[in-house]
Every structure is written in structure tokens, then in C-alpha cells.
Protein backbone atom coordinates (compact mmCIF):
# COMPACT_ATOMS: atom_id res chain seq x y z
CA MET A 1 8.55 -24.02 -21.56
CA HIS A 2 6.88 -21.48 -19.18
CA GLN A 3 10.39 -20.28 -17.95
CA GLY A 4 11.74 -20.05 -21.44
CA LYS A 5 8.88 -17.53 -22.21
CA LEU A 6 9.54 -15.33 -19.24
CA ALA A 7 13.23 -15.21 -19.72
CA ARG A 8 12.92 -12.85 -22.51
CA ASN A 9 10.48 -10.69 -20.86
CA LEU A 10 11.05 -7.05 -19.25
CA ASP A 11 7.86 -7.15 -17.09
CA PRO A 12 9.26 -6.94 -13.46
CA ARG A 13 6.59 -9.38 -12.12
CA LYS A 14 7.31 -11.89 -14.80
CA ILE A 15 10.89 -11.56 -14.09
CA ALA A 16 10.33 -12.19 -10.50
CA LEU A 17 8.04 -15.30 -11.40
CA GLY A 18 10.85 -16.62 -13.92
CA GLU A 19 13.62 -16.31 -10.82
CA GLU A 20 11.09 -18.34 -8.59
CA ILE A 21 10.64 -21.04 -11.11
CA ARG A 22 14.41 -21.10 -11.48
CA GLU A 23 14.86 -21.61 -7.92
CA LEU A 24 12.17 -24.26 -7.71
CA LEU A 25 13.65 -26.26 -10.46
CA ALA A 26 17.11 -26.10 -8.82
CA LEU A 27 15.40 -27.33 -5.49
CA TYR A 28 13.69 -30.10 -7.39
CA ALA A 29 16.68 -31.37 -9.14
CA ALA A 30 18.43 -31.38 -5.85
CA ALA A 31 15.76 -33.22 -4.18
CA LEU A 32 15.88 -35.91 -6.71
CA ALA A 33 19.44 -36.31 -6.46
CA ASP A 34 19.20 -37.63 -2.78
CA PRO A 35 17.81 -41.22 -3.13
CA SER A 36 15.68 -40.69 0.17
CA ASN A 37 14.06 -37.42 -1.15
CA ALA A 38 13.57 -38.79 -4.56
CA ALA A 39 11.66 -41.66 -3.23
CA ALA A 40 9.44 -39.49 -0.99
CA ILE A 41 8.45 -37.17 -4.27
CA THR A 42 7.86 -39.82 -6.71
CA GLY A 43 6.46 -42.48 -4.15
CA SER A 44 4.11 -40.93 -1.84
CA LYS A 45 1.53 -38.47 -2.21
CA THR A 46 1.74 -36.81 1.29
CA ALA A 47 5.34 -37.55 2.54
CA TRP A 48 7.39 -35.19 0.44
CA PRO A 49 6.19 -31.74 1.97
CA LYS A 50 7.54 -33.14 5.19
CA GLN A 51 10.81 -34.41 3.86
CA ASN A 52 11.32 -31.26 1.57
CA PRO A 53 9.37 -28.29 3.31
CA GLU A 54 11.53 -25.86 1.03
CA LEU A 55 10.30 -27.47 -1.92
CA PHE A 56 6.61 -26.81 -0.63
CA ASP A 57 7.47 -23.28 0.14
CA LYS A 58 9.03 -22.59 -3.08
CA LEU A 59 5.87 -23.92 -4.71
CA LEU A 60 3.85 -21.38 -2.86
CA ALA A 61 6.15 -18.67 -3.86
CA VAL A 62 5.84 -19.58 -7.56
CA GLY A 63 2.18 -19.63 -7.05
CA ASN A 64 1.82 -16.22 -5.48
CA LYS A 65 4.09 -14.76 -8.31
CA ALA A 66 2.09 -16.16 -11.17
CA ILE A 67 -0.85 -14.71 -9.55
CA ASP A 68 0.86 -11.21 -9.30
CA VAL A 69 1.13 -11.52 -13.38
CA ARG A 70 -2.44 -12.30 -13.80
CA GLY A 71 -1.80 -13.41 -17.40
CA ALA A 72 -4.05 -16.44 -18.69
CA ASP A 73 -1.03 -18.85 -18.71
CA GLU A 74 0.23 -17.75 -15.34
CA LEU A 75 -3.10 -18.16 -13.73
CA THR A 76 -3.29 -21.66 -15.37
CA LEU A 77 0.29 -22.22 -13.74
CA ALA A 78 -1.08 -20.90 -10.27
CA THR A 79 -4.02 -23.15 -10.62
CA GLN A 80 -1.83 -26.23 -10.94
CA VAL A 81 0.34 -25.19 -8.27
CA THR A 82 -2.65 -24.53 -5.79
CA ASP A 83 -4.20 -28.00 -6.70
CA ALA A 84 -0.82 -29.69 -6.05
CA LEU A 85 -0.31 -27.94 -2.52
CA LEU A 86 -3.83 -28.65 -1.39
CA GLY A 87 -3.74 -32.29 -2.65
CA VAL A 88 -0.77 -33.04 -0.43
CA ARG A 89 -1.76 -30.72 2.33
CA GLY A 90 -5.34 -30.11 2.79
CA LYS A 91 -5.15 -27.90 6.01
CA SER A 92 -2.24 -25.70 4.70
CA ARG A 93 -3.44 -22.06 5.64
CA ALA A 94 -0.85 -20.65 3.20
CA GLY A 95 -2.41 -23.03 0.43
CA TRP A 96 -5.91 -21.88 1.16
CA ARG A 97 -4.82 -18.32 1.10
CA LEU A 98 -3.08 -18.85 -2.27
CA ARG A 99 -6.55 -20.50 -3.53
CA ALA A 100 -8.37 -17.54 -2.46
CA ARG A 101 -6.03 -15.11 -4.25
CA LEU A 102 -6.20 -17.21 -7.24
CA MET A 103 -9.97 -17.43 -7.39
CA GLU A 104 -10.18 -13.71 -6.54
CA ALA A 105 -8.06 -13.03 -9.78
CA LEU A 106 -10.35 -15.30 -11.79
CA GLY A 107 -13.28 -13.24 -10.61
CA ASP A 108 -15.06 -16.28 -8.95
CA ASP A 109 -16.45 -14.57 -5.75
CA GLU A 110 -18.22 -17.55 -4.41
CA ALA A 111 -14.90 -19.89 -4.72
CA THR A 112 -12.82 -17.03 -3.09
CA ILE A 113 -15.32 -16.75 -0.25
CA ARG A 114 -15.33 -20.36 0.28
CA ALA A 115 -11.48 -20.41 0.25
CA TRP A 116 -11.08 -17.55 2.62
CA GLU A 117 -13.46 -19.46 5.03
CA ARG A 118 -11.23 -22.36 5.12
CA TYR A 119 -8.45 -20.34 5.79
CA VAL A 120 -9.99 -18.69 8.58
CA ALA A 121 -11.30 -21.88 9.95
CA LEU A 122 -7.60 -23.13 10.18
CA THR A 123 -6.19 -20.01 12.02
CA THR A 124 -6.62 -18.86 15.65
CA ASP A 125 -5.84 -15.28 14.98
CA ASP A 126 -7.57 -13.53 12.05
CA ASP A 127 -4.57 -11.14 11.91
CA LEU A 128 -5.29 -10.03 8.34
CA ASN A 129 -9.19 -9.35 9.04
CA ILE A 130 -10.21 -12.15 6.69
CA THR A 131 -13.61 -12.31 8.19
CA GLY A 132 -14.03 -8.65 7.39
CA ARG A 133 -12.85 -9.16 3.87
CA ILE A 134 -15.61 -12.04 3.37
CA ALA A 135 -18.42 -9.91 4.76
CA ARG A 136 -17.36 -7.05 2.11
CA LEU A 137 -17.33 -9.67 -0.64
CA ARG A 138 -20.95 -10.72 0.23
CA GLU A 139 -21.87 -6.97 0.59
CA SER A 140 -20.32 -6.52 -2.85
CA GLU A 141 -22.48 -9.25 -4.45
CA ALA A 142 -25.54 -7.47 -2.91
CA ARG A 143 -24.59 -4.21 -4.22
CA VAL A 144 -24.14 -5.61 -7.75
CA SER A 145 -27.61 -7.33 -7.55
CA GLU A 146 -29.09 -4.10 -6.52
CA THR A 147 -27.40 -2.09 -9.25
CA LEU A 148 -29.02 -4.65 -11.82
CA ARG A 149 -32.49 -4.19 -10.28
CA LEU A 150 -32.03 -0.58 -10.72
CA LEU A 151 -31.04 -0.94 -14.23
CA GLN A 152 -34.06 -3.08 -14.96
CA LYS A 153 -36.44 -0.64 -13.25
CA GLU A 154 -34.96 2.34 -15.23
CA CYS A 155 -34.95 0.47 -18.60
CA PRO A 156 -38.26 -1.92 -18.38
CA ALA A 157 -37.61 -2.53 -22.14
CA SER A 158 -34.85 -5.16 -20.95
CA GLN A 159 -37.08 -7.27 -19.21
CA GLY A 160 -37.76 -10.55 -20.93
CA LEU A 161 -34.56 -10.37 -23.22
CA GLU A 162 -32.22 -11.89 -20.64
CA GLU A 163 -32.96 -15.34 -21.67
CA ALA A 164 -30.89 -14.91 -24.92
CA PRO A 165 -27.12 -15.75 -24.53
CA ASP A 166 -25.13 -12.85 -22.91
CA THR A 167 -22.52 -12.42 -25.65
CA GLU A 168 -25.27 -12.38 -28.35
CA LEU A 169 -27.09 -9.76 -26.21
CA TRP A 170 -24.01 -7.77 -25.64
CA GLY A 171 -22.75 -7.77 -29.45
CA ALA A 172 -26.13 -6.71 -30.58
CA GLY A 173 -26.36 -3.79 -28.12
CA LEU A 174 -22.86 -2.69 -29.10
CA ALA A 175 -23.83 -2.65 -32.69
CA LEU A 176 -26.92 -0.68 -32.10
CA LEU A 177 -24.79 1.83 -29.97
CA ASP A 178 -22.19 2.13 -32.92
CA ALA A 179 -25.05 2.98 -35.25
CA GLY A 180 -26.49 5.71 -32.95
CA ASP A 181 -29.63 3.85 -31.76
CA TRP A 182 -29.37 4.12 -27.75
CA GLU A 183 -32.86 3.58 -27.31
CA ARG A 184 -32.65 0.13 -28.62
CA ALA A 185 -29.04 -0.60 -27.44
CA GLU A 186 -29.68 -0.15 -23.72
CA PRO A 187 -32.34 -2.79 -23.20
CA ARG A 188 -30.04 -5.34 -24.80
CA LEU A 189 -27.00 -4.06 -22.81
CA VAL A 190 -28.95 -4.18 -19.48
CA ALA A 191 -30.35 -7.61 -20.29
CA ALA A 192 -26.79 -8.87 -21.25
CA LEU A 193 -25.50 -7.94 -17.67
CA VAL A 194 -28.41 -9.73 -16.10
CA ALA A 195 -27.82 -12.63 -18.24
CA MET A 196 -24.11 -12.76 -17.29
CA ARG A 197 -25.11 -12.85 -13.49
CA ASP A 198 -27.63 -15.73 -13.98
CA GLN A 199 -25.43 -17.59 -16.50
CA GLY A 200 -22.52 -17.29 -13.69
CA ARG A 201 -20.04 -15.27 -15.54
CA PRO A 202 -16.91 -14.30 -13.46
CA SER A 203 -17.51 -11.30 -11.27
CA ALA A 204 -14.65 -9.47 -13.04
CA GLN A 205 -16.44 -9.76 -16.40
CA LEU A 206 -19.78 -8.62 -14.93
CA ARG A 207 -18.24 -5.45 -13.35
CA GLN A 208 -16.44 -4.54 -16.43
CA GLY A 209 -19.73 -4.81 -18.19
CA LEU A 210 -21.10 -2.50 -15.73
CA ALA A 211 -18.32 -0.08 -16.00
CA ASP A 212 -18.73 0.01 -19.59
CA LEU A 213 -22.50 0.68 -19.45
CA ILE A 214 -21.95 3.26 -17.06
CA SER A 215 -19.66 4.96 -19.54
CA PHE A 216 -22.25 4.69 -22.13
CA ARG A 217 -24.90 6.14 -19.93
CA LEU A 218 -22.78 9.17 -18.97
CA ARG A 219 -22.13 9.97 -22.74
CA GLN A 220 -25.94 9.86 -23.29
CA ASP A 221 -26.68 12.17 -20.04
CA ARG A 222 -24.05 14.52 -21.59
CA LYS A 223 -25.70 14.53 -24.81
CA ASN A 224 -29.05 15.21 -23.43
CA GLY A 225 -28.02 17.56 -20.74
CA ALA A 226 -29.56 15.02 -18.07
CA VAL A 227 -28.24 13.68 -14.85
CA GLU A 228 -30.14 10.51 -14.74
CA SER A 229 -27.17 8.22 -13.93
CA ARG A 230 -26.75 9.49 -10.27
CA SER A 231 -28.14 6.44 -8.50
CA LEU A 232 -26.45 4.02 -10.81
CA ILE A 233 -22.91 5.79 -10.18
CA LYS A 234 -23.58 5.82 -6.19
CA LEU A 235 -24.32 2.09 -6.24
CA TYR A 236 -21.17 1.20 -8.45
CA SER A 237 -18.87 3.48 -6.39
CA GLU A 238 -20.02 1.84 -3.16
CA ASP A 239 -19.22 -1.52 -4.61
CA ARG A 240 -15.71 -0.44 -5.68
CA ARG A 241 -15.08 0.83 -2.20
CA LEU A 242 -16.23 -2.41 -0.74
CA ARG A 243 -13.92 -4.63 -3.12
CA ASP A 244 -10.70 -2.20 -2.79
CA MET A 245 -10.79 -0.69 0.62
CA GLU A 246 -11.41 -1.72 4.21
CA LYS A 247 -14.37 -0.07 5.93
CA VAL A 248 -13.33 2.63 8.43
CA PRO A 249 -15.95 3.02 11.16
CA ASP A 250 -14.79 6.23 12.33
CA PRO A 251 -12.70 8.24 9.37
CA THR A 252 -11.43 10.69 12.06
CA LEU A 253 -10.14 8.00 14.16
CA GLY A 254 -11.47 9.65 17.37
CA SER A 255 -9.73 13.02 16.51
CA THR A 256 -6.25 11.33 16.14
CA GLN A 257 -3.90 13.76 14.62
CA VAL A 258 -1.72 12.92 11.75
CA VAL A 259 1.95 14.17 12.00
CA GLY A 260 5.00 14.34 9.53
CA LEU A 261 8.33 14.42 10.01
CA SER A 262 8.51 18.27 11.23
CA ASP A 263 5.53 17.69 13.33
CA PHE A 264 7.18 14.64 15.17
CA ARG A 265 10.33 16.49 15.56
CA ASN A 266 8.61 19.30 17.52
CA LEU A 267 6.56 16.59 19.62
CA ILE A 268 9.80 15.08 20.99
CA ALA A 269 12.32 18.05 20.92
CA GLY A 270 14.12 18.54 24.40
CA LYS A 271 12.80 15.33 25.90
CA SER A 272 14.84 12.28 27.29
CA VAL A 273 14.09 9.18 25.43
CA CYS A 274 14.56 5.53 25.91
CA LEU A 275 13.85 2.62 23.49
CA VAL A 276 12.84 -0.81 25.09
CA ALA A 277 13.77 -4.00 23.27
CA ASN A 278 11.51 -6.98 23.11
CA SER A 279 14.32 -9.13 24.65
CA GLN A 280 14.60 -11.88 27.23
CA ARG A 281 17.37 -9.61 28.75
CA ILE A 282 14.91 -7.04 29.58
CA GLY A 283 12.17 -9.37 30.51
CA THR A 284 14.33 -10.81 33.20
CA SER A 285 15.61 -7.50 34.60
CA THR A 286 14.48 -5.06 37.14
CA MET A 287 15.00 -1.79 35.13
CA GLY A 288 11.17 -0.90 35.05
CA ALA A 289 11.46 2.05 37.40
CA GLU A 290 14.49 3.51 35.47
CA ILE A 291 12.75 2.95 32.29
CA ASP A 292 9.52 4.84 33.31
CA SER A 293 11.67 7.77 34.44
CA TYR A 294 12.34 8.99 30.94
CA ASP A 295 10.46 11.88 29.34
CA LEU A 296 9.36 9.44 26.30
CA VAL A 297 9.44 5.69 26.47
CA VAL A 298 9.32 4.00 23.17
CA ARG A 299 8.25 0.28 22.65
CA PHE A 300 7.78 -2.01 19.79
CA ASN A 301 5.35 -4.25 17.93
CA SER A 302 4.28 -7.13 20.40
CA PHE A 303 5.83 -5.58 23.34
CA LYS A 304 5.01 -6.91 26.78
CA LEU A 305 4.65 -5.10 30.10
CA ASP A 306 5.79 -5.95 33.52
CA ALA A 307 6.14 -3.15 36.07
CA THR A 308 9.63 -4.75 37.67
CA ALA A 309 11.23 -5.64 34.35
CA THR A 310 10.09 -3.38 31.59
CA GLY A 311 8.09 -0.63 33.38
CA THR A 312 4.60 0.18 32.36
CA LYS A 313 4.89 3.63 30.67
CA THR A 314 4.58 3.81 26.79
CA ASP A 315 4.53 7.01 25.00
CA ILE A 316 5.36 5.93 21.56
CA HIS A 317 4.31 2.62 20.06
CA THR A 318 6.33 1.81 17.04
CA THR A 319 5.11 -1.07 15.11
CA ILE A 320 5.51 -2.51 11.45
CA HIS A 321 2.09 -2.64 9.57
CA LEU A 322 1.88 -6.28 9.30
CA HIS A 323 0.92 -7.48 12.64
CA ASN A 324 -1.96 -6.95 14.70
CA PHE A 325 -0.44 -6.58 18.23
CA ASN A 326 -0.96 -3.88 20.65
CA TRP A 327 -2.76 -1.36 18.25
CA ASP A 328 -5.75 -1.21 20.99
CA LYS A 329 -3.07 0.23 23.80
CA GLN A 330 -3.69 3.68 24.67
CA VAL A 331 -0.55 5.72 23.63
CA PRO A 332 0.32 9.42 22.86
CA ILE A 333 1.95 8.72 19.72
CA ARG A 334 1.74 5.63 17.35
CA LEU A 335 4.14 5.32 14.48
CA VAL A 336 3.40 2.67 11.73
CA PHE A 337 6.35 1.47 9.42
CA GLY A 338 6.06 -0.19 6.22
CA GLY A 339 7.99 -0.90 3.09
CA ILE A 340 5.29 -0.74 0.53
CA HIS A 341 3.24 2.42 0.42
CA GLY A 342 -0.14 0.53 -0.79
CA GLN A 343 0.02 -2.19 2.07
CA TRP A 344 0.90 0.43 4.71
CA LYS A 345 -2.01 2.50 3.74
CA ARG A 346 -4.54 -0.35 3.58
CA SER A 347 -3.03 -1.55 7.09
CA LEU A 348 -3.79 1.82 8.46
CA ARG A 349 -7.28 1.73 7.57
CA GLN A 350 -7.65 -1.83 8.72
CA ARG A 351 -5.85 -1.64 12.08
CA LEU A 352 -5.94 1.88 13.64
CA ILE A 353 -8.44 2.01 16.46
CA PRO A 354 -10.33 5.23 17.07
CA GLY A 355 -9.31 6.94 20.15
CA ALA A 356 -6.15 4.46 20.72
CA GLN A 357 -3.80 7.29 20.05
CA GLY A 358 -3.39 11.03 19.98
CA TYR A 359 -1.02 11.03 16.88
CA VAL A 360 -0.20 8.74 14.03
CA ASN A 361 2.44 9.37 11.28
CA ASP A 362 1.75 10.10 7.64
CA ARG A 363 3.71 8.67 4.85
CA THR A 364 6.90 10.88 5.27
CA LEU A 365 7.52 8.62 8.50
CA ARG A 366 6.41 5.30 6.70
CA TRP A 367 9.84 3.78 6.15
CA PRO A 368 12.64 6.23 7.60
CA VAL A 369 15.90 4.33 6.90
CA ARG A 370 14.85 3.92 3.24
CA GLU A 371 12.90 7.13 2.59
CA ILE A 372 14.39 9.78 4.77
CA GLY A 373 17.75 8.35 4.90
CA ARG A 374 17.89 7.38 1.08
CA MET A 375 19.64 4.21 2.19
CA ASP A 376 18.41 1.52 -0.66
CA GLU A 377 19.74 -2.15 -0.54
CA SER A 378 23.14 -0.86 -1.91
CA LYS A 379 23.75 1.01 1.17
CA TRP A 380 21.92 -0.93 3.50
CA GLU A 381 21.52 -4.65 2.48
CA HIS A 382 18.66 -6.02 4.88
CA ILE A 383 15.36 -4.88 5.70
CA PRO A 384 15.48 -2.57 8.65
CA THR A 385 13.63 -3.59 11.90
CA SER A 386 11.22 -1.31 13.58
CA GLY A 387 13.72 -0.84 16.25
CA PHE A 388 16.34 0.42 13.73
CA ASN A 389 14.03 2.52 11.87
CA MET A 390 12.88 4.29 15.00
CA LEU A 391 16.52 4.56 16.30
CA TRP A 392 17.92 5.97 13.08
CA LEU A 393 15.01 8.36 12.94
CA LEU A 394 15.75 9.72 16.43
CA ASP A 395 19.43 9.97 15.76
CA PHE A 396 18.81 11.93 12.55
CA LEU A 397 16.47 14.40 14.13
CA ASP A 398 19.15 14.86 16.84
CA VAL A 399 16.94 16.78 19.30
CA SER A 400 17.04 14.35 22.33
CA PRO A 401 19.45 15.26 25.08
CA LYS A 402 19.32 11.76 26.45
CA LEU A 403 18.76 8.70 24.08
CA ASP A 404 19.20 5.30 25.64
CA LEU A 405 18.40 1.85 24.54
CA PHE A 406 17.32 -1.04 27.12
CA GLY A 407 17.73 -4.72 26.54
CA PHE A 408 19.16 -4.15 23.02
CA ASP A 409 21.27 -7.52 22.55
CA PHE A 410 19.85 -8.10 19.16
CA TYR A 411 17.96 -11.14 20.44
CA ASP A 412 20.88 -12.94 21.50
CA SER A 413 18.92 -13.70 24.56
CA GLY A 414 15.72 -14.64 22.63
CA ALA A 415 12.43 -12.69 22.31
CA TYR A 416 10.11 -11.33 25.06
CA ARG A 417 6.56 -10.75 23.52
CA LEU A 418 3.09 -11.04 24.03
CA PRO A 419 2.12 -14.89 24.25
CA GLU A 420 0.40 -14.82 21.15
CA ALA A 421 3.35 -13.40 19.29
CA MET A 422 6.04 -15.86 20.81
CA LYS A 423 5.01 -18.32 18.08
CA LEU A 424 6.41 -15.78 15.49
CA PRO A 425 10.10 -16.78 14.46
CA ILE A 426 12.72 -14.15 14.77
CA ALA A 427 12.69 -12.84 11.12
CA GLY A 428 15.69 -13.79 9.21
CA VAL A 429 15.37 -10.79 6.78
CA HIS A 430 16.89 -8.23 9.16
CA GLY A 431 20.54 -7.69 9.43
CA TYR A 432 21.12 -7.81 13.25
CA SER A 433 24.78 -7.73 13.07
CA GLN A 434 24.76 -4.81 10.68
CA GLU A 435 22.50 -2.92 12.93
CA LYS A 436 24.55 -3.74 16.03
CA GLU A 437 27.60 -2.60 14.27
CA TRP A 438 25.76 0.95 13.52
CA VAL A 439 24.59 1.14 17.22
CA MET A 440 27.97 0.28 18.60
CA SER A 441 30.02 2.85 16.53
CA ARG A 442 27.75 5.68 17.84
CA ALA A 443 27.46 4.47 21.44
CA GLN A 444 28.94 6.65 24.11
CA ASP A 445 28.56 4.43 27.01
CA VAL A 446 27.57 0.80 27.27
CA THR A 447 26.51 -1.44 30.32
CA GLU A 448 25.06 -4.92 30.34
CA MET A 449 21.48 -3.52 30.17
CA ARG A 450 21.76 0.15 28.58
CA ILE A 451 23.54 1.75 25.53
CA SER A 452 23.70 5.30 25.50
CA LEU A 453 23.68 7.20 22.50
CA ARG A 454 23.45 10.64 23.90
């Protein structure tokens, strides 16, 4: 039924949900066609995720896409999916993360916090800084309570009215407002907000009510030529920042300078550059001294240093925004890549450490292959790796008299990373063979350890 409703919708989020549902139904039908899988699915509450992990993962995908849509039907679907997943795998980190997203979409702050706390308890590395998110949610709750106290103080006539139902108070306040009687409307609107808090309304409804009341107050301020709502606006804006943005302990990031494409070109022009892969080939080599002899040494993501094998010099740390590896390493330049602008920007706020880099890139260097090269999926099918984004950028700028790659075997030898990153699989979304073909077509000299492009 839900799939049929989605099939006629042009909303891209609903289209994406519909596609996930179709794939889920296909997987489910295929599983039922296999007698052993069918027995696990229909006969045991806990056995089927082990025997059909792809079915579990696809249910997760459906739940996440349903939350993205945020319609009433879709949130009901997400609730059913979440209950099913946690019912069979109560210690699933992905399941608790889904529950937290769902509760946040439903506006239930306490349930959101409980779900995130379960998620954090199940992970050894809070890579997403969920602990900070929980703290911000709690601080946001405190800010709303402070806002309501301020409203009651500024409008003492509201006190005592909040015992009535919130909908009745809000409706009466709106009717008086429409009649032009703000003096009697305001106490009822304020009391309605307090009642919403006391009666356990979802935080999203309460915050929408606050936003509406602020709008009404500002309208009255303009009529009266007054500025009485400054304190209220300050508290409300602080609450919005807490919910929407990571805290930045030092907005100047320790005097880090932001560079764009032309600035970065000037920083590297005329210098020899080498890029060092995170491969076992380099990890078991003796290339360290030669690598450190280049003017600029580029390393990636969760790079691991060994003086003999990899060298110790890092001039440019290039990383995808998603993971939290090596952001604390002191480097002259840090380039942070990411495919989705909003997520990239939030990661910069969350992960950049003041004083850990002299320069960091702006959005013009966010996703070089796609944004600068204009190579969409029709021209470059797979998601480009951090290494390929960097290599493509250096080749495009063409200001390096020497440009060499060390240990680039495109993971044929396996990964060589920080220990905490070794648990991560080699991502299957990247086109390693396509990247290798691009590199080799431009190579001027190739040895077992080094590929020279200049």
C-alpha cells in the first residue's frame, strides 16, 4: 500500500524511499523462496538477521529514508521498522541510531536522548560526537525552560491560566489576537506554551509555538515602536543554535587561514609533491627517507607513520569529512573533502581543532572531481576517493615540477592505517579500477613503489 502511494509522487525523498521499499520486497521474496531462509524468517525471532544480514541492512535503509520524508505515514513506517530491528537485535548501534533519528523527528527530546545514550554505550569510538549532541539537547531543554520563565515574568497575567488545556488556551489567544486585543491574548498564549511543556507535548510543537509567539511579539513591538523582545529573541536564537549547530570553542580556529582554489595553487606552486597511500605495500617498505625528501608530502585520512617505511613528514593532510582520524595532527595544510555541502560544513565545525593546521580549505575545494572538474556520475560513475580527489586536483592545477605516488596499488596489498581504523572495511563504493586506469594513462614512469606523473 505504502509503495503504491509513493510510486506516483515526484518528491525525490519519497522516490528514494519507494526504491528502498521495492528492493526490500525483492530481498524478502527471494529469502522466502529459499526454504532455510524462510524457516529462519517465519520461525525464529532472532535467527533471521544472522542468516539474512542484507535484509536487516535494507530495513535500516527503509527506516532512514522514511525519516527523511518526515510525513505522518512515513514516520509510522519508520516506527514499525525500528521496533522490528531492535526487537531482534537489541544491541544494534545502527538500530539505536535510527531510533534516535526517529524520536528527534517526532520531537520527543527525552526519548531522543535515551536512544543516543544507548548508541554511545554500544560504541567504543564516539566518532560522531554524539556525547556533545546529547549535551546540547539537554542545554536546549534548559534554554526553553528559561524562555518560558522569562515570558511568565514579563506577562504575569499568564500565571494561573496554565491549568487549562493547552489547545483551549492557544485557540482563545489566537481569537483575541485576531480581534486586535493583544493585552488579553498574550497571557493566554504564554500560558498555552507553559501548559504544552507541562503536558508533555513534543518539543517540535512547543518550539513552533514559541516561534509564533515571538512573531506576534515583534509585530506588537513594531506597532508600539518598542524593543521589548530582545531578551526573548536572544534566548530563542541560542536554543536554535544549540539544536542546529555544533559548538565551536574557538571560532578563529587558532588563527587557521581559509584558502580557496587560487590560494592553494599559490601555496604549492613550484614545489615537488608526493602522495603516500595507506597501503600494506608502503607499510612494509623502506621508502621513508625518500618520501620525506619531497617539498610537500600528502597523506590521507587515517594515515599511520613509521620512519623507515612511510617517513614522518606531513605537509598536507587530506581527509574525508566523515571520520575522526588524525585531525589532531599538526600539519601546515588540511584539506577536508565531502560530497554533501551541509554535512561537510557541520563536520568542519565539529572536527577541526584550533591550532592543528595553518590552512584549511573553503567550499571551492570541497569535492574537486565533481565540483571543479564537473565530472558527475555520467562522466565518473563511482564516488571518488580522497586520494583521487587530491591527485586529480594536483594534476588539474599543474604547478608541481615533480608529482609522484608512493604505494598506490589501489588496495591490492590491503590497508595500512591507524589501529582504530583497521576495523573499517575497504569501501566498495569507490571505483579503484577506474582510478587506476586514469593514473596509469598519465604515468610517465612506474616502479614497484612509485608512479611518477611529472
